[in-house]
Amino acid sequence: CHVTLTHENDLYRADMITRVQGQTLKSSDHDVKLYKAV
């Protein structure tokens, strides 16, 4: 699982890339608070 946490313009963004057998899944979210985005 790769997680990239980004901070831009007072917003935190959490991008996740998870690899399982035969699949790559992606999810992301952004919020004013880092923990909420995660």
PDB file of all heavy atoms in Angstrom:
ATOM      1  N   CYS A   1       0.854  -1.184   0.000  1.00  0.00           N
ATOM      2  CA  CYS A   1       0.000   0.000   0.000  1.00  0.00           C
ATOM      3  C   CYS A   1       0.892   1.237   0.000  1.00  0.00           C
ATOM      4  O   CYS A   1       1.748   1.379   0.866  1.00  0.00           O
ATOM      5  CB  CYS A   1      -0.911  -0.018   1.223  1.00  0.00           C
ATOM      6  SG  CYS A   1      -2.078   1.345   1.249  1.00  0.00           S
ATOM      7  N   HIS A   2       0.699   2.099  -0.978  1.00  0.00           N
ATOM      8  CA  HIS A   2       1.441   3.352  -1.082  1.00  0.00           C
ATOM      9  C   HIS A   2       0.488   4.490  -0.723  1.00  0.00           C
ATOM     10  O   HIS A   2      -0.593   4.602  -1.294  1.00  0.00           O
ATOM     11  CB  HIS A   2       1.972   3.571  -2.505  1.00  0.00           C
ATOM     12  CG  HIS A   2       3.008   2.600  -2.909  1.00  0.00           C
ATOM     13  ND1 HIS A   2       4.346   2.854  -2.755  1.00  0.00           N
ATOM     14  CD2 HIS A   2       2.922   1.365  -3.445  1.00  0.00           C
ATOM     15  CE1 HIS A   2       5.030   1.822  -3.193  1.00  0.00           C
ATOM     16  NE2 HIS A   2       4.185   0.897  -3.622  1.00  0.00           N
ATOM     17  N   VAL A   3       0.903   5.343   0.204  1.00  0.00           N
ATOM     18  CA  VAL A   3       0.097   6.483   0.605  1.00  0.00           C
ATOM     19  C   VAL A   3       0.923   7.744   0.375  1.00  0.00           C
ATOM     20  O   VAL A   3       2.066   7.838   0.822  1.00  0.00           O
ATOM     21  CB  VAL A   3      -0.314   6.394   2.092  1.00  0.00           C
ATOM     22  CG1 VAL A   3      -1.148   7.589   2.482  1.00  0.00           C
ATOM     23  CG2 VAL A   3      -1.066   5.112   2.356  1.00  0.00           C
ATOM     24  N   THR A   4       0.322   8.698  -0.321  1.00  0.00           N
ATOM     25  CA  THR A   4       0.959   9.984  -0.533  1.00  0.00           C
ATOM     26  C   THR A   4       0.082  11.050   0.108  1.00  0.00           C
ATOM     27  O   THR A   4      -1.093  11.174  -0.224  1.00  0.00           O
ATOM     28  CB  THR A   4       1.125  10.287  -2.038  1.00  0.00           C
ATOM     29  OG1 THR A   4       1.845   9.225  -2.644  1.00  0.00           O
ATOM     30  CG2 THR A   4       1.865  11.592  -2.245  1.00  0.00           C
ATOM     31  N   LEU A   5       0.660  11.788   1.036  1.00  0.00           N
ATOM     32  CA  LEU A   5      -0.049  12.865   1.715  1.00  0.00           C
ATOM     33  C   LEU A   5       0.464  14.184   1.145  1.00  0.00           C
ATOM     34  O   LEU A   5       1.660  14.437   1.131  1.00  0.00           O
ATOM     35  CB  LEU A   5       0.197  12.796   3.218  1.00  0.00           C
ATOM     36  CG  LEU A   5      -0.207  11.476   3.885  1.00  0.00           C
ATOM     37  CD1 LEU A   5       0.217  11.479   5.343  1.00  0.00           C
ATOM     38  CD2 LEU A   5      -1.686  11.233   3.753  1.00  0.00           C
ATOM     39  N   THR A   6      -0.464  15.014   0.677  1.00  0.00           N
ATOM     40  CA  THR A   6      -0.118  16.255   0.020  1.00  0.00           C
ATOM     41  C   THR A   6      -0.777  17.420   0.738  1.00  0.00           C
ATOM     42  O   THR A   6      -1.913  17.307   1.197  1.00  0.00           O
ATOM     43  CB  THR A   6      -0.602  16.230  -1.449  1.00  0.00           C
ATOM     44  OG1 THR A   6      -0.143  15.044  -2.072  1.00  0.00           O
ATOM     45  CG2 THR A   6      -0.107  17.428  -2.221  1.00  0.00           C
ATOM     46  N   HIS A   7      -0.074  18.538   0.814  1.00  0.00           N
ATOM     47  CA  HIS A   7      -0.634  19.761   1.408  1.00  0.00           C
ATOM     48  C   HIS A   7      -0.542  20.879   0.386  1.00  0.00           C
ATOM     49  O   HIS A   7       0.543  21.280  -0.016  1.00  0.00           O
ATOM     50  CB  HIS A   7       0.144  20.141   2.670  1.00  0.00           C
ATOM     51  CG  HIS A   7      -0.383  21.361   3.339  1.00  0.00           C
ATOM     52  ND1 HIS A   7      -1.430  21.313   4.213  1.00  0.00           N
ATOM     53  CD2 HIS A   7      -0.033  22.663   3.255  1.00  0.00           C
ATOM     54  CE1 HIS A   7      -1.681  22.535   4.658  1.00  0.00           C
ATOM     55  NE2 HIS A   7      -0.843  23.374   4.074  1.00  0.00           N
ATOM     56  N   GLU A   8      -1.690  21.384  -0.059  1.00  0.00           N
ATOM     57  CA  GLU A   8      -1.753  22.475  -1.020  1.00  0.00           C
ATOM     58  C   GLU A   8      -2.939  23.364  -0.702  1.00  0.00           C
ATOM     59  O   GLU A   8      -4.055  22.877  -0.500  1.00  0.00           O
ATOM     60  CB  GLU A   8      -1.913  21.952  -2.451  1.00  0.00           C
ATOM     61  CG  GLU A   8      -0.711  21.227  -2.987  1.00  0.00           C
ATOM     62  CD  GLU A   8      -0.936  20.707  -4.389  1.00  0.00           C
ATOM     63  OE1 GLU A   8      -2.061  20.845  -4.917  1.00  0.00           O
ATOM     64  OE2 GLU A   8       0.005  20.144  -4.954  1.00  0.00           O
ATOM     65  N   ASN A   9      -2.711  24.656  -0.672  1.00  0.00           N
ATOM     66  CA  ASN A   9      -3.786  25.645  -0.504  1.00  0.00           C
ATOM     67  C   ASN A   9      -4.685  25.339   0.694  1.00  0.00           C
ATOM     68  O   ASN A   9      -5.907  25.322   0.580  1.00  0.00           O
ATOM     69  CB  ASN A   9      -4.635  25.753  -1.768  1.00  0.00           C
ATOM     70  CG  ASN A   9      -3.829  26.164  -2.968  1.00  0.00           C
ATOM     71  OD1 ASN A   9      -2.822  26.842  -2.833  1.00  0.00           O
ATOM     72  ND2 ASN A   9      -4.250  25.746  -4.148  1.00  0.00           N
ATOM     73  N   ASP A  10      -4.109  25.086   1.830  1.00  0.00           N
ATOM     74  CA  ASP A  10      -4.824  24.798   3.076  1.00  0.00           C
ATOM     75  C   ASP A  10      -5.682  23.539   3.006  1.00  0.00           C
ATOM     76  O   ASP A  10      -6.616  23.379   3.782  1.00  0.00           O
ATOM     77  CB  ASP A  10      -5.697  25.985   3.498  1.00  0.00           C
ATOM     78  CG  ASP A  10      -4.861  27.209   3.817  1.00  0.00           C
ATOM     79  OD1 ASP A  10      -3.693  27.012   4.241  1.00  0.00           O
ATOM     80  OD2 ASP A  10      -5.353  28.332   3.655  1.00  0.00           O
ATOM     81  N   LEU A  11      -5.412  22.652   2.062  1.00  0.00           N
ATOM     82  CA  LEU A  11      -6.118  21.375   1.971  1.00  0.00           C
ATOM     83  C   LEU A  11      -5.098  20.248   2.042  1.00  0.00           C
ATOM     84  O   LEU A  11      -4.011  20.329   1.465  1.00  0.00           O
ATOM     85  CB  LEU A  11      -6.891  21.249   0.654  1.00  0.00           C
ATOM     86  CG  LEU A  11      -8.218  21.975   0.543  1.00  0.00           C
ATOM     87  CD1 LEU A  11      -8.799  21.772  -0.845  1.00  0.00           C
ATOM     88  CD2 LEU A  11      -9.191  21.495   1.588  1.00  0.00           C
ATOM     89  N   TYR A  12      -5.474  19.207   2.729  1.00  0.00           N
ATOM     90  CA  TYR A  12      -4.666  17.992   2.776  1.00  0.00           C
ATOM     91  C   TYR A  12      -5.332  16.961   1.872  1.00  0.00           C
ATOM     92  O   TYR A  12      -6.550  16.838   1.836  1.00  0.00           O
ATOM     93  CB  TYR A  12      -4.578  17.441   4.203  1.00  0.00           C
ATOM     94  CG  TYR A  12      -3.747  18.293   5.109  1.00  0.00           C
ATOM     95  CD1 TYR A  12      -4.344  19.218   5.952  1.00  0.00           C
ATOM     96  CD2 TYR A  12      -2.363  18.180   5.124  1.00  0.00           C
ATOM     97  CE1 TYR A  12      -3.577  20.002   6.789  1.00  0.00           C
ATOM     98  CE2 TYR A  12      -1.588  18.959   5.953  1.00  0.00           C
ATOM     99  CZ  TYR A  12      -2.199  19.870   6.783  1.00  0.00           C
ATOM    100  OH  TYR A  12      -1.443  20.646   7.607  1.00  0.00           O
ATOM    101  N   ARG A  13      -4.513  16.232   1.159  1.00  0.00           N
ATOM    102  CA  ARG A  13      -5.018  15.206   0.262  1.00  0.00           C
ATOM    103  C   ARG A  13      -4.303  13.903   0.578  1.00  0.00           C
ATOM    104  O   ARG A  13      -3.076  13.885   0.719  1.00  0.00           O
ATOM    105  CB  ARG A  13      -4.777  15.618  -1.180  1.00  0.00           C
ATOM    106  CG  ARG A  13      -5.248  14.613  -2.193  1.00  0.00           C
ATOM    107  CD  ARG A  13      -4.932  15.121  -3.598  1.00  0.00           C
ATOM    108  NE  ARG A  13      -5.262  14.126  -4.566  1.00  0.00           N
ATOM    109  CZ  ARG A  13      -6.370  14.141  -5.286  1.00  0.00           C
ATOM    110  NH1 ARG A  13      -7.225  15.121  -5.154  1.00  0.00           N
ATOM    111  NH2 ARG A  13      -6.612  13.178  -6.150  1.00  0.00           N
ATOM    112  N   ALA A  14      -5.065  12.841   0.651  1.00  0.00           N
ATOM    113  CA  ALA A  14      -4.509  11.511   0.894  1.00  0.00           C
ATOM    114  C   ALA A  14      -4.823  10.629  -0.312  1.00  0.00           C
ATOM    115  O   ALA A  14      -5.988  10.440  -0.654  1.00  0.00           O
ATOM    116  CB  ALA A  14      -5.101  10.904   2.156  1.00  0.00           C
ATOM    117  N   ASP A  15      -3.785  10.146  -0.974  1.00  0.00           N
ATOM    118  CA  ASP A  15      -3.931   9.243  -2.116  1.00  0.00           C
ATOM    119  C   ASP A  15      -3.396   7.881  -1.719  1.00  0.00           C
ATOM    120  O   ASP A  15      -2.275   7.765  -1.228  1.00  0.00           O
ATOM    121  CB  ASP A  15      -3.136   9.757  -3.320  1.00  0.00           C
ATOM    122  CG  ASP A  15      -3.642  11.092  -3.818  1.00  0.00           C
ATOM    123  OD1 ASP A  15      -4.854  11.247  -3.946  1.00  0.00           O
ATOM    124  OD2 ASP A  15      -2.801  11.974  -4.085  1.00  0.00           O
ATOM    125  N   MET A  16      -4.194   6.847  -1.958  1.00  0.00           N
ATOM    126  CA  MET A  16      -3.794   5.474  -1.620  1.00  0.00           C
ATOM    127  C   MET A  16      -3.795   4.620  -2.873  1.00  0.00           C
ATOM    128  O   MET A  16      -4.737   4.672  -3.659  1.00  0.00           O
ATOM    129  CB  MET A  16      -4.767   4.850  -0.616  1.00  0.00           C
ATOM    130  CG  MET A  16      -4.746   5.466   0.737  1.00  0.00           C
ATOM    131  SD  MET A  16      -5.889   4.634   1.851  1.00  0.00           S
ATOM    132  CE  MET A  16      -5.180   3.008   1.920  1.00  0.00           C
ATOM    133  N   ILE A  17      -2.756   3.831  -3.036  1.00  0.00           N
ATOM    134  CA  ILE A  17      -2.684   2.836  -4.100  1.00  0.00           C
ATOM    135  C   ILE A  17      -2.381   1.511  -3.420  1.00  0.00           C
ATOM    136  O   ILE A  17      -1.345   1.356  -2.772  1.00  0.00           O
ATOM    137  CB  ILE A  17      -1.608   3.179  -5.134  1.00  0.00           C
ATOM    138  CG1 ILE A  17      -1.918   4.519  -5.786  1.00  0.00           C
ATOM    139  CG2 ILE A  17      -1.490   2.071  -6.173  1.00  0.00           C
ATOM    140  CD1 ILE A  17      -0.832   5.023  -6.696  1.00  0.00           C
ATOM    141  N   THR A  18      -3.288   0.567  -3.552  1.00  0.00           N
ATOM    142  CA  THR A  18      -3.163  -0.729  -2.893  1.00  0.00           C
ATOM    143  C   THR A  18      -3.110  -1.821  -3.956  1.00  0.00           C
ATOM    144  O   THR A  18      -3.951  -1.860  -4.848  1.00  0.00           O
ATOM    145  CB  THR A  18      -4.353  -0.978  -1.949  1.00  0.00           C
ATOM    146  OG1 THR A  18      -4.421   0.093  -1.020  1.00  0.00           O
ATOM    147  CG2 THR A  18      -4.206  -2.287  -1.212  1.00  0.00           C
ATOM    148  N   ARG A  19      -2.106  -2.671  -3.839  1.00  0.00           N
ATOM    149  CA  ARG A  19      -1.983  -3.784  -4.778  1.00  0.00           C
ATOM    150  C   ARG A  19      -2.372  -5.082  -4.088  1.00  0.00           C
ATOM    151  O   ARG A  19      -1.886  -5.391  -3.003  1.00  0.00           O
ATOM    152  CB  ARG A  19      -0.555  -3.897  -5.303  1.00  0.00           C
ATOM    153  CG  ARG A  19      -0.177  -2.789  -6.236  1.00  0.00           C
ATOM    154  CD  ARG A  19       1.166  -2.973  -6.915  1.00  0.00           C
ATOM    155  NE  ARG A  19       2.158  -3.605  -6.078  1.00  0.00           N
ATOM    156  CZ  ARG A  19       2.955  -4.600  -6.479  1.00  0.00           C
ATOM    157  NH1 ARG A  19       2.847  -5.077  -7.683  1.00  0.00           N
ATOM    158  NH2 ARG A  19       3.850  -5.096  -5.652  1.00  0.00           N
ATOM    159  N   VAL A  20      -3.273  -5.804  -4.726  1.00  0.00           N
ATOM    160  CA  VAL A  20      -3.630  -7.155  -4.306  1.00  0.00           C
ATOM    161  C   VAL A  20      -3.369  -8.056  -5.504  1.00  0.00           C
ATOM    162  O   VAL A  20      -3.017  -7.576  -6.579  1.00  0.00           O
ATOM    163  CB  VAL A  20      -5.109  -7.250  -3.832  1.00  0.00           C
ATOM    164  CG1 VAL A  20      -5.323  -6.401  -2.607  1.00  0.00           C
ATOM    165  CG2 VAL A  20      -6.065  -6.850  -4.919  1.00  0.00           C
ATOM    166  N   GLN A  21      -3.548  -9.322  -5.350  1.00  0.00           N
ATOM    167  CA  GLN A  21      -3.240 -10.257  -6.419  1.00  0.00           C
ATOM    168  C   GLN A  21      -4.115  -9.977  -7.641  1.00  0.00           C
ATOM    169  O   GLN A  21      -5.329 -10.124  -7.597  1.00  0.00           O
ATOM    170  CB  GLN A  21      -3.445 -11.685  -5.948  1.00  0.00           C
ATOM    171  CG  GLN A  21      -3.052 -12.712  -6.970  1.00  0.00           C
ATOM    172  CD  GLN A  21      -3.222 -14.118  -6.443  1.00  0.00           C
ATOM    173  OE1 GLN A  21      -3.691 -14.320  -5.346  1.00  0.00           O
ATOM    174  NE2 GLN A  21      -2.852 -15.080  -7.255  1.00  0.00           N
ATOM    175  N   GLY A  22      -3.484  -9.533  -8.712  1.00  0.00           N
ATOM    176  CA  GLY A  22      -4.209  -9.309  -9.964  1.00  0.00           C
ATOM    177  C   GLY A  22      -4.939  -7.983 -10.051  1.00  0.00           C
ATOM    178  O   GLY A  22      -5.579  -7.715 -11.058  1.00  0.00           O
ATOM    179  N   GLN A  23      -4.874  -7.131  -9.055  1.00  0.00           N
ATOM    180  CA  GLN A  23      -5.622  -5.868  -9.053  1.00  0.00           C
ATOM    181  C   GLN A  23      -4.770  -4.763  -8.455  1.00  0.00           C
ATOM    182  O   GLN A  23      -3.953  -5.001  -7.568  1.00  0.00           O
ATOM    183  CB  GLN A  23      -6.884  -5.988  -8.201  1.00  0.00           C
ATOM    184  CG  GLN A  23      -7.913  -6.946  -8.715  1.00  0.00           C
ATOM    185  CD  GLN A  23      -8.831  -6.306  -9.732  1.00  0.00           C
ATOM    186  OE1 GLN A  23      -9.091  -5.122  -9.663  1.00  0.00           O
ATOM    187  NE2 GLN A  23      -9.293  -7.100 -10.673  1.00  0.00           N
ATOM    188  N   THR A  24      -5.024  -3.545  -8.901  1.00  0.00           N
ATOM    189  CA  THR A  24      -4.473  -2.344  -8.282  1.00  0.00           C
ATOM    190  C   THR A  24      -5.642  -1.422  -8.000  1.00  0.00           C
ATOM    191  O   THR A  24      -6.380  -1.049  -8.915  1.00  0.00           O
ATOM    192  CB  THR A  24      -3.462  -1.643  -9.208  1.00  0.00           C
ATOM    193  OG1 THR A  24      -2.396  -2.549  -9.485  1.00  0.00           O
ATOM    194  CG2 THR A  24      -2.897  -0.402  -8.546  1.00  0.00           C
ATOM    195  N   LEU A  25      -5.840  -1.084  -6.739  1.00  0.00           N
ATOM    196  CA  LEU A  25      -6.968  -0.249  -6.329  1.00  0.00           C
ATOM    197  C   LEU A  25      -6.461   1.118  -5.903  1.00  0.00           C
ATOM    198  O   LEU A  25      -5.401   1.227  -5.285  1.00  0.00           O
ATOM    199  CB  LEU A  25      -7.714  -0.912  -5.170  1.00  0.00           C
ATOM    200  CG  LEU A  25      -8.199  -2.335  -5.422  1.00  0.00           C
ATOM    201  CD1 LEU A  25      -8.740  -2.940  -4.144  1.00  0.00           C
ATOM    202  CD2 LEU A  25      -9.260  -2.350  -6.492  1.00  0.00           C
ATOM    203  N   LYS A  26      -7.235   2.161  -6.217  1.00  0.00           N
ATOM    204  CA  LYS A  26      -6.840   3.523  -5.889  1.00  0.00           C
ATOM    205  C   LYS A  26      -7.979   4.233  -5.183  1.00  0.00           C
ATOM    206  O   LYS A  26      -9.148   4.042  -5.533  1.00  0.00           O
ATOM    207  CB  LYS A  26      -6.480   4.293  -7.159  1.00  0.00           C
ATOM    208  CG  LYS A  26      -5.346   3.690  -7.926  1.00  0.00           C
ATOM    209  CD  LYS A  26      -5.106   4.406  -9.231  1.00  0.00           C
ATOM    210  CE  LYS A  26      -4.021   3.686 -10.015  1.00  0.00           C
ATOM    211  NZ  LYS A  26      -3.801   4.298 -11.307  1.00  0.00           N
ATOM    212  N   SER A  27      -7.624   5.048  -4.205  1.00  0.00           N
ATOM    213  CA  SER A  27      -8.613   5.902  -3.549  1.00  0.00           C
ATOM    214  C   SER A  27      -7.924   7.178  -3.110  1.00  0.00           C
ATOM    215  O   SER A  27      -6.719   7.192  -2.871  1.00  0.00           O
ATOM    216  CB  SER A  27      -9.257   5.197  -2.349  1.00  0.00           C
ATOM    217  OG  SER A  27      -8.328   5.079  -1.300  1.00  0.00           O
ATOM    218  N   SER A  28      -8.701   8.237  -3.022  1.00  0.00           N
ATOM    219  CA  SER A  28      -8.144   9.502  -2.553  1.00  0.00           C
ATOM    220  C   SER A  28      -9.262  10.346  -1.963  1.00  0.00           C
ATOM    221  O   SER A  28     -10.435  10.153  -2.271  1.00  0.00           O
ATOM    222  CB  SER A  28      -7.446  10.254  -3.689  1.00  0.00           C
ATOM    223  OG  SER A  28      -8.393  10.652  -4.645  1.00  0.00           O
ATOM    224  N   ASP A  29      -8.857  11.264  -1.112  1.00  0.00           N
ATOM    225  CA  ASP A  29      -9.801  12.203  -0.525  1.00  0.00           C
ATOM    226  C   ASP A  29      -9.028  13.423  -0.069  1.00  0.00           C
ATOM    227  O   ASP A  29      -7.818  13.357   0.158  1.00  0.00           O
ATOM    228  CB  ASP A  29     -10.542  11.576   0.666  1.00  0.00           C
ATOM    229  CG  ASP A  29     -11.762  12.384   1.042  1.00  0.00           C
ATOM    230  OD1 ASP A  29     -12.670  12.476   0.208  1.00  0.00           O
ATOM    231  OD2 ASP A  29     -11.781  12.935   2.149  1.00  0.00           O
ATOM    232  N   HIS A  30      -9.734  14.545   0.047  1.00  0.00           N
ATOM    233  CA  HIS A  30      -9.098  15.765   0.516  1.00  0.00           C
ATOM    234  C   HIS A  30      -9.994  16.430   1.551  1.00  0.00           C
ATOM    235  O   HIS A  30     -11.216  16.285   1.518  1.00  0.00           O
ATOM    236  CB  HIS A  30      -8.794  16.723  -0.639  1.00  0.00           C
ATOM    237  CG  HIS A  30     -10.015  17.159  -1.381  1.00  0.00           C
ATOM    238  ND1 HIS A  30     -10.594  16.385  -2.349  1.00  0.00           N
ATOM    239  CD2 HIS A  30     -10.763  18.273  -1.274  1.00  0.00           C
ATOM    240  CE1 HIS A  30     -11.651  17.016  -2.828  1.00  0.00           C
ATOM    241  NE2 HIS A  30     -11.783  18.169  -2.193  1.00  0.00           N
ATOM    242  N   ASP A  31      -9.347  17.130   2.479  1.00  0.00           N
ATOM    243  CA  ASP A  31     -10.077  17.807   3.547  1.00  0.00           C
ATOM    244  C   ASP A  31      -9.157  18.868   4.152  1.00  0.00           C
ATOM    245  O   ASP A  31      -7.967  18.896   3.872  1.00  0.00           O
ATOM    246  CB  ASP A  31     -10.512  16.798   4.617  1.00  0.00           C
ATOM    247  CG  ASP A  31     -11.660  17.321   5.440  1.00  0.00           C
ATOM    248  OD1 ASP A  31     -11.420  18.245   6.253  1.00  0.00           O
ATOM    249  OD2 ASP A  31     -12.779  16.834   5.277  1.00  0.00           O
ATOM    250  N   VAL A  32      -9.736  19.696   5.000  1.00  0.00           N
ATOM    251  CA  VAL A  32      -8.964  20.730   5.673  1.00  0.00           C
ATOM    252  C   VAL A  32      -8.076  20.107   6.743  1.00  0.00           C
ATOM    253  O   VAL A  32      -6.997  20.618   7.045  1.00  0.00           O
ATOM    254  CB  VAL A  32      -9.913  21.783   6.295  1.00  0.00           C
ATOM    255  CG1 VAL A  32      -9.133  22.925   6.921  1.00  0.00           C
ATOM    256  CG2 VAL A  32     -10.877  22.312   5.250  1.00  0.00           C
ATOM    257  N   LYS A  33      -8.509  18.980   7.295  1.00  0.00           N
ATOM    258  CA  LYS A  33      -7.740  18.292   8.329  1.00  0.00           C
ATOM    259  C   LYS A  33      -7.106  17.033   7.749  1.00  0.00           C
ATOM    260  O   LYS A  33      -7.734  16.279   7.010  1.00  0.00           O
ATOM    261  CB  LYS A  33      -8.644  17.928   9.500  1.00  0.00           C
ATOM    262  CG  LYS A  33      -9.232  19.137  10.182  1.00  0.00           C
ATOM    263  CD  LYS A  33     -10.084  18.745  11.340  1.00  0.00           C
ATOM    264  CE  LYS A  33     -10.654  19.995  12.003  1.00  0.00           C
ATOM    265  NZ  LYS A  33     -11.471  19.656  13.151  1.00  0.00           N
ATOM    266  N   LEU A  34      -5.861  16.810   8.105  1.00  0.00           N
ATOM    267  CA  LEU A  34      -5.109  15.672   7.570  1.00  0.00           C
ATOM    268  C   LEU A  34      -5.725  14.341   7.978  1.00  0.00           C
ATOM    269  O   LEU A  34      -5.908  13.448   7.145  1.00  0.00           O
ATOM    270  CB  LEU A  34      -3.650  15.742   8.038  1.00  0.00           C
ATOM    271  CG  LEU A  34      -2.761  14.568   7.649  1.00  0.00           C
ATOM    272  CD1 LEU A  34      -2.597  14.506   6.142  1.00  0.00           C
ATOM    273  CD2 LEU A  34      -1.420  14.671   8.323  1.00  0.00           C
ATOM    274  N   TYR A  35      -6.047  14.186   9.250  1.00  0.00           N
ATOM    275  CA  TYR A  35      -6.562  12.911   9.737  1.00  0.00           C
ATOM    276  C   TYR A  35      -7.911  12.572   9.107  1.00  0.00           C
ATOM    277  O   TYR A  35      -8.210  11.417   8.832  1.00  0.00           O
ATOM    278  CB  TYR A  35      -6.678  12.918  11.261  1.00  0.00           C
ATOM    279  CG  TYR A  35      -5.334  13.032  11.953  1.00  0.00           C
ATOM    280  CD1 TYR A  35      -5.172  13.819  13.071  1.00  0.00           C
ATOM    281  CD2 TYR A  35      -4.229  12.350  11.482  1.00  0.00           C
ATOM    282  CE1 TYR A  35      -3.948  13.924  13.704  1.00  0.00           C
ATOM    283  CE2 TYR A  35      -2.998  12.435  12.101  1.00  0.00           C
ATOM    284  CZ  TYR A  35      -2.858  13.230  13.218  1.00  0.00           C
ATOM    285  OH  TYR A  35      -1.643  13.320  13.840  1.00  0.00           O
ATOM    286  N   LYS A  36      -8.727  13.569   8.862  1.00  0.00           N
ATOM    287  CA  LYS A  36     -10.028  13.341   8.221  1.00  0.00           C
ATOM    288  C   LYS A  36      -9.826  12.851   6.787  1.00  0.00           C
ATOM    289  O   LYS A  36     -10.524  11.945   6.329  1.00  0.00           O
ATOM    290  CB  LYS A  36     -10.829  14.639   8.251  1.00  0.00           C
ATOM    291  CG  LYS A  36     -12.142  14.582   7.572  1.00  0.00           C
ATOM    292  CD  LYS A  36     -13.209  14.122   8.483  1.00  0.00           C
ATOM    293  CE  LYS A  36     -14.535  14.345   7.777  1.00  0.00           C
ATOM    294  NZ  LYS A  36     -15.598  13.653   8.360  1.00  0.00           N
ATOM    295  N   ALA A  37      -8.872  13.449   6.071  1.00  0.00           N
ATOM    296  CA  ALA A  37      -8.581  13.019   4.703  1.00  0.00           C
ATOM    297  C   ALA A  37      -8.083  11.580   4.680  1.00  0.00           C
ATOM    298  O   ALA A  37      -8.482  10.784   3.824  1.00  0.00           O
ATOM    299  CB  ALA A  37      -7.558  13.956   4.058  1.00  0.00           C
ATOM    300  N   VAL A  38      -7.227  11.222   5.639  1.00  0.00           N
ATOM    301  CA  VAL A  38      -6.717   9.850   5.719  1.00  0.00           C
ATOM    302  C   VAL A  38      -7.861   8.882   6.019  1.00  0.00           C
ATOM    303  O   VAL A  38      -7.980   7.829   5.385  1.00  0.00           O
ATOM    304  CB  VAL A  38      -5.603   9.744   6.784  1.00  0.00           C
ATOM    305  CG1 VAL A  38      -5.245   8.292   7.056  1.00  0.00           C
ATOM    306  CG2 VAL A  38      -4.375  10.516   6.351  1.00  0.00           C
TER     307      VAL A  38
END
